[in-house]
N, C-alpha and C. Protein backbone atom coordinates (compact mmCIF):
# COMPACT_ATOMS: atom_id res chain seq x y z
N UNK A 1 -65.47 -27.92 27.54
CA UNK A 1 -66.55 -27.20 28.18
C UNK A 1 -67.06 -26.13 27.20
N UNK A 2 -68.35 -26.07 27.06
CA UNK A 2 -68.95 -25.12 26.14
C UNK A 2 -68.81 -23.69 26.69
N UNK A 3 -68.87 -22.75 25.76
CA UNK A 3 -68.74 -21.34 26.13
C UNK A 3 -69.83 -20.94 27.13
N UNK A 4 -71.04 -21.41 26.91
CA UNK A 4 -72.14 -21.05 27.81
C UNK A 4 -71.90 -21.59 29.23
N UNK A 5 -71.27 -22.75 29.33
CA UNK A 5 -70.97 -23.31 30.64
C UNK A 5 -69.87 -22.51 31.34
N UNK A 6 -68.87 -22.08 30.58
CA UNK A 6 -67.81 -21.25 31.16
C UNK A 6 -68.38 -19.92 31.63
N UNK A 7 -69.30 -19.37 30.84
CA UNK A 7 -69.92 -18.11 31.22
C UNK A 7 -70.80 -18.27 32.46
N UNK A 8 -71.39 -19.45 32.63
CA UNK A 8 -72.22 -19.69 33.81
C UNK A 8 -71.38 -19.59 35.09
N UNK A 9 -70.15 -20.05 35.03
CA UNK A 9 -69.25 -19.95 36.19
C UNK A 9 -69.03 -18.48 36.54
N UNK A 10 -68.80 -17.66 35.52
CA UNK A 10 -68.60 -16.23 35.76
C UNK A 10 -69.86 -15.60 36.31
N UNK A 11 -71.00 -15.97 35.76
CA UNK A 11 -72.28 -15.43 36.25
C UNK A 11 -72.47 -15.79 37.73
N UNK A 12 -72.16 -17.02 38.10
CA UNK A 12 -72.30 -17.44 39.49
C UNK A 12 -71.39 -16.63 40.41
N UNK A 13 -70.17 -16.38 39.97
CA UNK A 13 -69.23 -15.57 40.77
C UNK A 13 -69.74 -14.14 40.93
N UNK A 14 -70.22 -13.58 39.84
CA UNK A 14 -70.74 -12.21 39.90
C UNK A 14 -71.98 -12.14 40.79
N UNK A 15 -72.83 -13.15 40.72
CA UNK A 15 -74.02 -13.18 41.58
C UNK A 15 -73.62 -13.24 43.05
N UNK A 16 -72.57 -13.99 43.34
CA UNK A 16 -72.07 -14.07 44.72
C UNK A 16 -71.55 -12.70 45.18
N UNK A 17 -70.85 -12.00 44.30
CA UNK A 17 -70.37 -10.65 44.62
C UNK A 17 -71.54 -9.72 44.91
N UNK A 18 -72.58 -9.81 44.08
CA UNK A 18 -73.77 -8.99 44.30
C UNK A 18 -74.39 -9.29 45.67
N UNK A 19 -74.48 -10.56 46.00
CA UNK A 19 -75.07 -10.96 47.28
C UNK A 19 -74.26 -10.41 48.45
N UNK A 20 -72.94 -10.51 48.37
CA UNK A 20 -72.08 -9.99 49.44
C UNK A 20 -72.25 -8.48 49.59
N UNK A 21 -72.38 -7.78 48.49
CA UNK A 21 -72.57 -6.34 48.53
C UNK A 21 -73.91 -6.00 49.18
N UNK A 22 -74.94 -6.75 48.83
CA UNK A 22 -76.25 -6.51 49.43
C UNK A 22 -76.24 -6.77 50.94
N UNK A 23 -75.50 -7.79 51.36
CA UNK A 23 -75.39 -8.06 52.80
C UNK A 23 -74.71 -6.90 53.51
N UNK A 24 -73.69 -6.34 52.89
CA UNK A 24 -73.00 -5.19 53.48
C UNK A 24 -73.95 -3.99 53.55
N UNK A 25 -74.81 -3.86 52.55
CA UNK A 25 -75.79 -2.77 52.59
C UNK A 25 -76.76 -2.94 53.76
N UNK A 26 -77.06 -4.17 54.10
CA UNK A 26 -77.96 -4.45 55.22
C UNK A 26 -77.38 -4.01 56.56
N UNK A 27 -76.06 -3.97 56.66
CA UNK A 27 -75.43 -3.53 57.90
C UNK A 27 -75.78 -2.09 58.21
N UNK A 28 -75.95 -1.29 57.19
CA UNK A 28 -76.34 0.11 57.40
C UNK A 28 -77.67 0.22 58.11
N UNK A 29 -78.58 -0.66 57.78
CA UNK A 29 -79.89 -0.63 58.43
C UNK A 29 -79.79 -0.97 59.92
N UNK A 30 -78.95 -1.93 60.26
CA UNK A 30 -78.81 -2.30 61.67
C UNK A 30 -78.13 -1.17 62.45
N UNK A 31 -77.21 -0.44 61.80
CA UNK A 31 -76.55 0.69 62.46
C UNK A 31 -77.56 1.79 62.76
N UNK A 32 -78.46 2.05 61.83
CA UNK A 32 -79.51 3.05 62.04
C UNK A 32 -80.41 2.63 63.20
N UNK A 33 -80.73 1.37 63.25
CA UNK A 33 -81.57 0.86 64.33
C UNK A 33 -80.89 1.02 65.68
N UNK A 34 -79.59 0.78 65.72
CA UNK A 34 -78.84 0.92 66.97
C UNK A 34 -78.87 2.38 67.44
N UNK A 35 -78.70 3.31 66.53
CA UNK A 35 -78.76 4.73 66.89
C UNK A 35 -80.14 5.09 67.42
N UNK A 36 -81.18 4.61 66.76
CA UNK A 36 -82.54 4.88 67.24
C UNK A 36 -82.78 4.28 68.62
N UNK A 37 -82.23 3.10 68.85
CA UNK A 37 -82.37 2.47 70.17
C UNK A 37 -81.72 3.32 71.26
N UNK A 38 -80.54 3.85 70.96
CA UNK A 38 -79.86 4.71 71.94
C UNK A 38 -80.67 5.97 72.23
N UNK A 39 -81.18 6.58 71.18
CA UNK A 39 -81.99 7.79 71.37
C UNK A 39 -83.24 7.47 72.19
N UNK A 40 -83.89 6.36 71.88
CA UNK A 40 -85.10 5.98 72.62
C UNK A 40 -84.78 5.67 74.08
N UNK A 41 -83.66 5.00 74.31
CA UNK A 41 -83.26 4.68 75.68
C UNK A 41 -83.01 5.96 76.47
N UNK A 42 -82.33 6.91 75.86
CA UNK A 42 -82.06 8.19 76.54
C UNK A 42 -83.37 8.89 76.88
N UNK A 43 -84.30 8.92 75.92
CA UNK A 43 -85.59 9.59 76.17
C UNK A 43 -86.38 8.86 77.25
N UNK A 44 -86.38 7.54 77.23
CA UNK A 44 -87.06 6.77 78.28
C UNK A 44 -86.46 7.08 79.65
N UNK A 45 -85.14 7.17 79.69
CA UNK A 45 -84.46 7.47 80.96
C UNK A 45 -84.89 8.85 81.47
N UNK A 46 -84.96 9.82 80.57
CA UNK A 46 -85.42 11.15 80.97
C UNK A 46 -86.87 11.11 81.45
N UNK A 47 -87.71 10.41 80.72
CA UNK A 47 -89.13 10.33 81.09
C UNK A 47 -89.32 9.67 82.45
N UNK A 48 -88.58 8.60 82.70
CA UNK A 48 -88.72 7.87 83.97
C UNK A 48 -88.24 8.71 85.15
N UNK A 49 -87.28 9.56 84.91
CA UNK A 49 -86.71 10.35 86.01
C UNK A 49 -87.25 11.77 86.07
N UNK A 50 -88.18 12.12 85.19
CA UNK A 50 -88.72 13.48 85.15
C UNK A 50 -89.40 13.85 86.47
N UNK A 51 -90.17 12.95 87.02
CA UNK A 51 -90.88 13.27 88.27
C UNK A 51 -89.90 13.47 89.42
N UNK A 52 -88.84 12.67 89.47
CA UNK A 52 -87.82 12.84 90.51
C UNK A 52 -87.08 14.16 90.34
N UNK A 53 -86.85 14.56 89.10
CA UNK A 53 -86.17 15.83 88.85
C UNK A 53 -87.02 17.01 89.31
N UNK A 54 -88.33 16.92 89.10
CA UNK A 54 -89.23 17.99 89.53
C UNK A 54 -89.28 18.10 91.05
N UNK A 55 -89.25 16.97 91.71
CA UNK A 55 -89.30 16.96 93.18
C UNK A 55 -87.97 17.41 93.77
N UNK A 56 -86.91 17.17 93.05
CA UNK A 56 -85.59 17.54 93.55
C UNK A 56 -84.80 16.29 93.89
N UNK A 57 -83.52 16.34 93.62
CA UNK A 57 -82.62 15.22 93.87
C UNK A 57 -81.47 15.69 94.75
N UNK A 58 -80.86 14.71 95.35
CA UNK A 58 -79.65 15.05 96.11
C UNK A 58 -78.57 15.45 95.10
N UNK A 59 -77.58 16.16 95.58
CA UNK A 59 -76.50 16.63 94.70
C UNK A 59 -75.80 15.45 94.06
N UNK A 60 -75.53 14.42 94.83
CA UNK A 60 -74.84 13.25 94.30
C UNK A 60 -75.68 12.58 93.20
N UNK A 61 -76.95 12.42 93.47
CA UNK A 61 -77.85 11.78 92.49
C UNK A 61 -77.97 12.63 91.22
N UNK A 62 -78.02 13.95 91.39
CA UNK A 62 -78.10 14.86 90.26
C UNK A 62 -76.83 14.78 89.40
N UNK A 63 -75.69 14.71 90.06
CA UNK A 63 -74.42 14.58 89.34
C UNK A 63 -74.39 13.26 88.57
N UNK A 64 -74.81 12.17 89.21
CA UNK A 64 -74.85 10.87 88.54
C UNK A 64 -75.78 10.92 87.33
N UNK A 65 -76.91 11.56 87.50
CA UNK A 65 -77.89 11.70 86.42
C UNK A 65 -77.28 12.45 85.24
N UNK A 66 -76.63 13.58 85.51
CA UNK A 66 -76.04 14.38 84.43
C UNK A 66 -74.87 13.66 83.76
N UNK A 67 -74.06 12.97 84.57
CA UNK A 67 -72.93 12.22 84.00
C UNK A 67 -73.46 11.12 83.07
N UNK A 68 -74.51 10.44 83.51
CA UNK A 68 -75.08 9.39 82.67
C UNK A 68 -75.62 9.97 81.37
N UNK A 69 -76.32 11.10 81.45
CA UNK A 69 -76.84 11.73 80.23
C UNK A 69 -75.71 12.17 79.31
N UNK A 70 -74.63 12.67 79.87
CA UNK A 70 -73.48 13.07 79.05
C UNK A 70 -72.89 11.86 78.34
N UNK A 71 -72.79 10.74 79.05
CA UNK A 71 -72.28 9.51 78.42
C UNK A 71 -73.22 9.06 77.30
N UNK A 72 -74.50 9.15 77.55
CA UNK A 72 -75.47 8.78 76.51
C UNK A 72 -75.34 9.70 75.30
N UNK A 73 -75.19 11.01 75.56
CA UNK A 73 -75.04 11.96 74.47
C UNK A 73 -73.78 11.67 73.65
N UNK A 74 -72.69 11.34 74.34
CA UNK A 74 -71.45 11.01 73.64
C UNK A 74 -71.63 9.73 72.81
N UNK A 75 -72.31 8.75 73.39
CA UNK A 75 -72.55 7.51 72.67
C UNK A 75 -73.42 7.76 71.43
N UNK A 76 -74.44 8.59 71.59
CA UNK A 76 -75.31 8.93 70.46
C UNK A 76 -74.53 9.67 69.39
N UNK A 77 -73.69 10.62 69.81
CA UNK A 77 -72.88 11.36 68.84
C UNK A 77 -71.90 10.42 68.11
N UNK A 78 -71.31 9.51 68.87
CA UNK A 78 -70.41 8.53 68.25
C UNK A 78 -71.15 7.66 67.24
N UNK A 79 -72.35 7.25 67.57
CA UNK A 79 -73.16 6.45 66.65
C UNK A 79 -73.55 7.26 65.42
N UNK A 80 -73.84 8.55 65.62
CA UNK A 80 -74.17 9.40 64.46
C UNK A 80 -72.98 9.50 63.51
N UNK A 81 -71.80 9.69 64.07
CA UNK A 81 -70.60 9.78 63.23
C UNK A 81 -70.33 8.45 62.52
N UNK A 82 -70.49 7.36 63.26
CA UNK A 82 -70.29 6.04 62.65
C UNK A 82 -71.31 5.82 61.54
N UNK A 83 -72.53 6.26 61.78
CA UNK A 83 -73.58 6.11 60.78
C UNK A 83 -73.28 6.94 59.53
N UNK A 84 -72.77 8.15 59.72
CA UNK A 84 -72.41 8.98 58.57
C UNK A 84 -71.32 8.31 57.74
N UNK A 85 -70.30 7.75 58.43
CA UNK A 85 -69.24 7.04 57.70
C UNK A 85 -69.82 5.82 56.98
N UNK A 86 -70.71 5.13 57.68
CA UNK A 86 -71.32 3.94 57.08
C UNK A 86 -72.19 4.30 55.89
N UNK A 87 -72.94 5.38 56.00
CA UNK A 87 -73.79 5.79 54.88
C UNK A 87 -72.96 6.14 53.66
N UNK A 88 -71.80 6.75 53.89
CA UNK A 88 -70.90 7.03 52.78
C UNK A 88 -70.44 5.72 52.15
N UNK A 89 -70.10 4.75 53.00
CA UNK A 89 -69.66 3.43 52.51
C UNK A 89 -70.82 2.72 51.80
N UNK A 90 -72.02 2.87 52.33
CA UNK A 90 -73.19 2.24 51.72
C UNK A 90 -73.42 2.80 50.31
N UNK A 91 -73.22 4.09 50.15
CA UNK A 91 -73.37 4.68 48.81
C UNK A 91 -72.35 4.09 47.85
N UNK A 92 -71.12 3.92 48.34
CA UNK A 92 -70.09 3.29 47.51
C UNK A 92 -70.49 1.86 47.16
N UNK A 93 -70.96 1.13 48.17
CA UNK A 93 -71.37 -0.26 47.94
C UNK A 93 -72.54 -0.36 46.98
N UNK A 94 -73.46 0.59 47.10
CA UNK A 94 -74.63 0.59 46.20
C UNK A 94 -74.16 0.76 44.75
N UNK A 95 -73.20 1.67 44.55
CA UNK A 95 -72.66 1.86 43.20
C UNK A 95 -71.94 0.61 42.72
N UNK A 96 -71.19 -0.02 43.62
CA UNK A 96 -70.50 -1.26 43.25
C UNK A 96 -71.50 -2.34 42.89
N UNK A 97 -72.58 -2.43 43.67
CA UNK A 97 -73.59 -3.43 43.39
C UNK A 97 -74.22 -3.18 42.03
N UNK A 98 -74.55 -1.91 41.74
CA UNK A 98 -75.16 -1.60 40.46
C UNK A 98 -74.24 -1.99 39.30
N UNK A 99 -72.95 -1.72 39.46
CA UNK A 99 -72.00 -2.09 38.41
C UNK A 99 -71.91 -3.61 38.28
N UNK A 100 -71.82 -4.29 39.42
CA UNK A 100 -71.73 -5.76 39.40
C UNK A 100 -72.99 -6.35 38.79
N UNK A 101 -74.14 -5.80 39.14
CA UNK A 101 -75.40 -6.30 38.61
C UNK A 101 -75.46 -6.11 37.09
N UNK A 102 -75.00 -4.96 36.63
CA UNK A 102 -75.00 -4.68 35.20
C UNK A 102 -74.07 -5.65 34.47
N UNK A 103 -72.90 -5.91 35.05
CA UNK A 103 -71.97 -6.86 34.44
C UNK A 103 -72.58 -8.26 34.38
N UNK A 104 -73.24 -8.65 35.45
CA UNK A 104 -73.88 -9.97 35.48
C UNK A 104 -74.94 -10.07 34.39
N UNK A 105 -75.75 -9.03 34.25
CA UNK A 105 -76.78 -9.04 33.22
C UNK A 105 -76.16 -9.13 31.83
N UNK A 106 -75.08 -8.38 31.62
CA UNK A 106 -74.43 -8.40 30.30
C UNK A 106 -73.84 -9.77 30.00
N UNK A 107 -73.21 -10.37 31.00
CA UNK A 107 -72.64 -11.71 30.79
C UNK A 107 -73.76 -12.72 30.55
N UNK A 108 -74.88 -12.56 31.23
CA UNK A 108 -76.01 -13.46 31.02
C UNK A 108 -76.53 -13.34 29.58
N UNK A 109 -76.54 -12.12 29.05
CA UNK A 109 -76.96 -11.93 27.66
C UNK A 109 -76.00 -12.65 26.71
N UNK A 110 -74.70 -12.49 26.98
CA UNK A 110 -73.70 -13.16 26.15
C UNK A 110 -73.87 -14.67 26.24
N UNK A 111 -74.12 -15.16 27.46
CA UNK A 111 -74.33 -16.60 27.64
C UNK A 111 -75.56 -17.06 26.86
N UNK A 112 -76.61 -16.28 26.90
CA UNK A 112 -77.83 -16.65 26.18
C UNK A 112 -77.56 -16.74 24.68
N UNK A 113 -76.81 -15.78 24.15
CA UNK A 113 -76.46 -15.82 22.73
C UNK A 113 -75.58 -17.03 22.43
N UNK A 114 -74.67 -17.34 23.35
CA UNK A 114 -73.80 -18.51 23.15
C UNK A 114 -74.63 -19.79 23.13
N UNK A 115 -75.63 -19.89 24.00
CA UNK A 115 -76.49 -21.08 24.03
C UNK A 115 -77.24 -21.21 22.71
N UNK A 116 -77.74 -20.09 22.21
CA UNK A 116 -78.47 -20.12 20.94
C UNK A 116 -77.54 -20.59 19.82
N UNK A 117 -76.32 -20.04 19.79
CA UNK A 117 -75.35 -20.44 18.77
C UNK A 117 -74.99 -21.92 18.90
N UNK A 118 -74.80 -22.39 20.13
CA UNK A 118 -74.49 -23.80 20.37
C UNK A 118 -75.64 -24.69 19.90
N UNK A 119 -76.86 -24.26 20.16
CA UNK A 119 -78.02 -25.04 19.74
C UNK A 119 -78.12 -25.10 18.22
N UNK A 120 -77.79 -23.98 17.57
CA UNK A 120 -77.82 -23.97 16.10
C UNK A 120 -76.79 -24.94 15.53
N UNK A 121 -75.60 -24.97 16.16
CA UNK A 121 -74.56 -25.89 15.71
C UNK A 121 -75.03 -27.33 15.88
N UNK A 122 -75.66 -27.63 17.01
CA UNK A 122 -76.17 -28.98 17.26
C UNK A 122 -77.24 -29.34 16.24
N UNK A 123 -78.16 -28.42 15.99
CA UNK A 123 -79.23 -28.67 15.03
C UNK A 123 -78.66 -28.86 13.62
N UNK A 124 -77.66 -28.06 13.25
CA UNK A 124 -77.04 -28.20 11.93
C UNK A 124 -76.35 -29.55 11.81
N UNK A 125 -75.66 -29.96 12.86
CA UNK A 125 -74.97 -31.25 12.86
C UNK A 125 -75.99 -32.38 12.73
N UNK A 126 -77.09 -32.28 13.47
CA UNK A 126 -78.13 -33.31 13.38
C UNK A 126 -78.74 -33.35 11.98
N UNK A 127 -78.93 -32.17 11.38
CA UNK A 127 -79.50 -32.12 10.04
C UNK A 127 -78.55 -32.76 9.03
N UNK A 128 -77.25 -32.46 9.17
CA UNK A 128 -76.27 -33.07 8.27
C UNK A 128 -76.26 -34.59 8.42
N UNK A 129 -76.33 -35.07 9.65
CA UNK A 129 -76.35 -36.52 9.88
C UNK A 129 -77.61 -37.14 9.26
N UNK A 130 -78.73 -36.46 9.42
CA UNK A 130 -79.98 -36.95 8.83
C UNK A 130 -79.87 -36.98 7.31
N UNK A 131 -79.31 -35.92 6.73
CA UNK A 131 -79.14 -35.86 5.27
C UNK A 131 -78.20 -36.96 4.78
N UNK A 132 -77.10 -37.19 5.53
CA UNK A 132 -76.16 -38.24 5.15
C UNK A 132 -76.82 -39.61 5.19
N UNK A 133 -77.61 -39.88 6.21
CA UNK A 133 -78.32 -41.18 6.29
C UNK A 133 -79.29 -41.34 5.14
N UNK A 134 -79.99 -40.26 4.83
CA UNK A 134 -80.95 -40.33 3.73
C UNK A 134 -80.22 -40.55 2.39
N UNK A 135 -79.08 -39.90 2.22
CA UNK A 135 -78.29 -40.07 0.99
C UNK A 135 -77.77 -41.49 0.89
N UNK A 136 -77.31 -42.07 2.02
CA UNK A 136 -76.83 -43.47 2.01
C UNK A 136 -77.96 -44.42 1.65
N UNK A 137 -79.13 -44.18 2.16
CA UNK A 137 -80.28 -45.06 1.87
C UNK A 137 -80.59 -45.03 0.37
N UNK A 138 -80.50 -43.83 -0.22
CA UNK A 138 -80.78 -43.71 -1.66
C UNK A 138 -79.74 -44.49 -2.46
N UNK A 139 -78.47 -44.38 -2.02
CA UNK A 139 -77.40 -45.05 -2.74
C UNK A 139 -77.56 -46.57 -2.58
N UNK A 140 -77.91 -47.05 -1.41
CA UNK A 140 -78.10 -48.46 -1.16
C UNK A 140 -79.37 -49.02 -1.81
N UNK A 141 -80.32 -48.19 -2.05
CA UNK A 141 -81.60 -48.64 -2.59
C UNK A 141 -81.60 -48.85 -4.07
């Protein structure tokens, strides 16, 4: 197996690592969206019940309303904390991706040089064969 072919295997593996890292980075975006959805849901709930709050609610209904809002606030806070942890992880992943990408580019450069060297060897071999045939023809002629 030629050096360039062996390097291609490494390049493919590194490209797969890059892809996996990028997919993990995408998870951060979905986490942000989930937090925004929770915030929007809480605000919609407040907006829908604003008129009832102004008119007045029974004590039981008011307690249920406040308990629900507290649960939403806790869920939002939990999502914020999870997002902060994830953003820290995303930064680590981004650095890993940059390093992996740089390694892949460097290996690709080495592979390109190896292909050029291999091609030169092939061309030199073909030239020698051509010269040998021409020399044999002269000797036979």
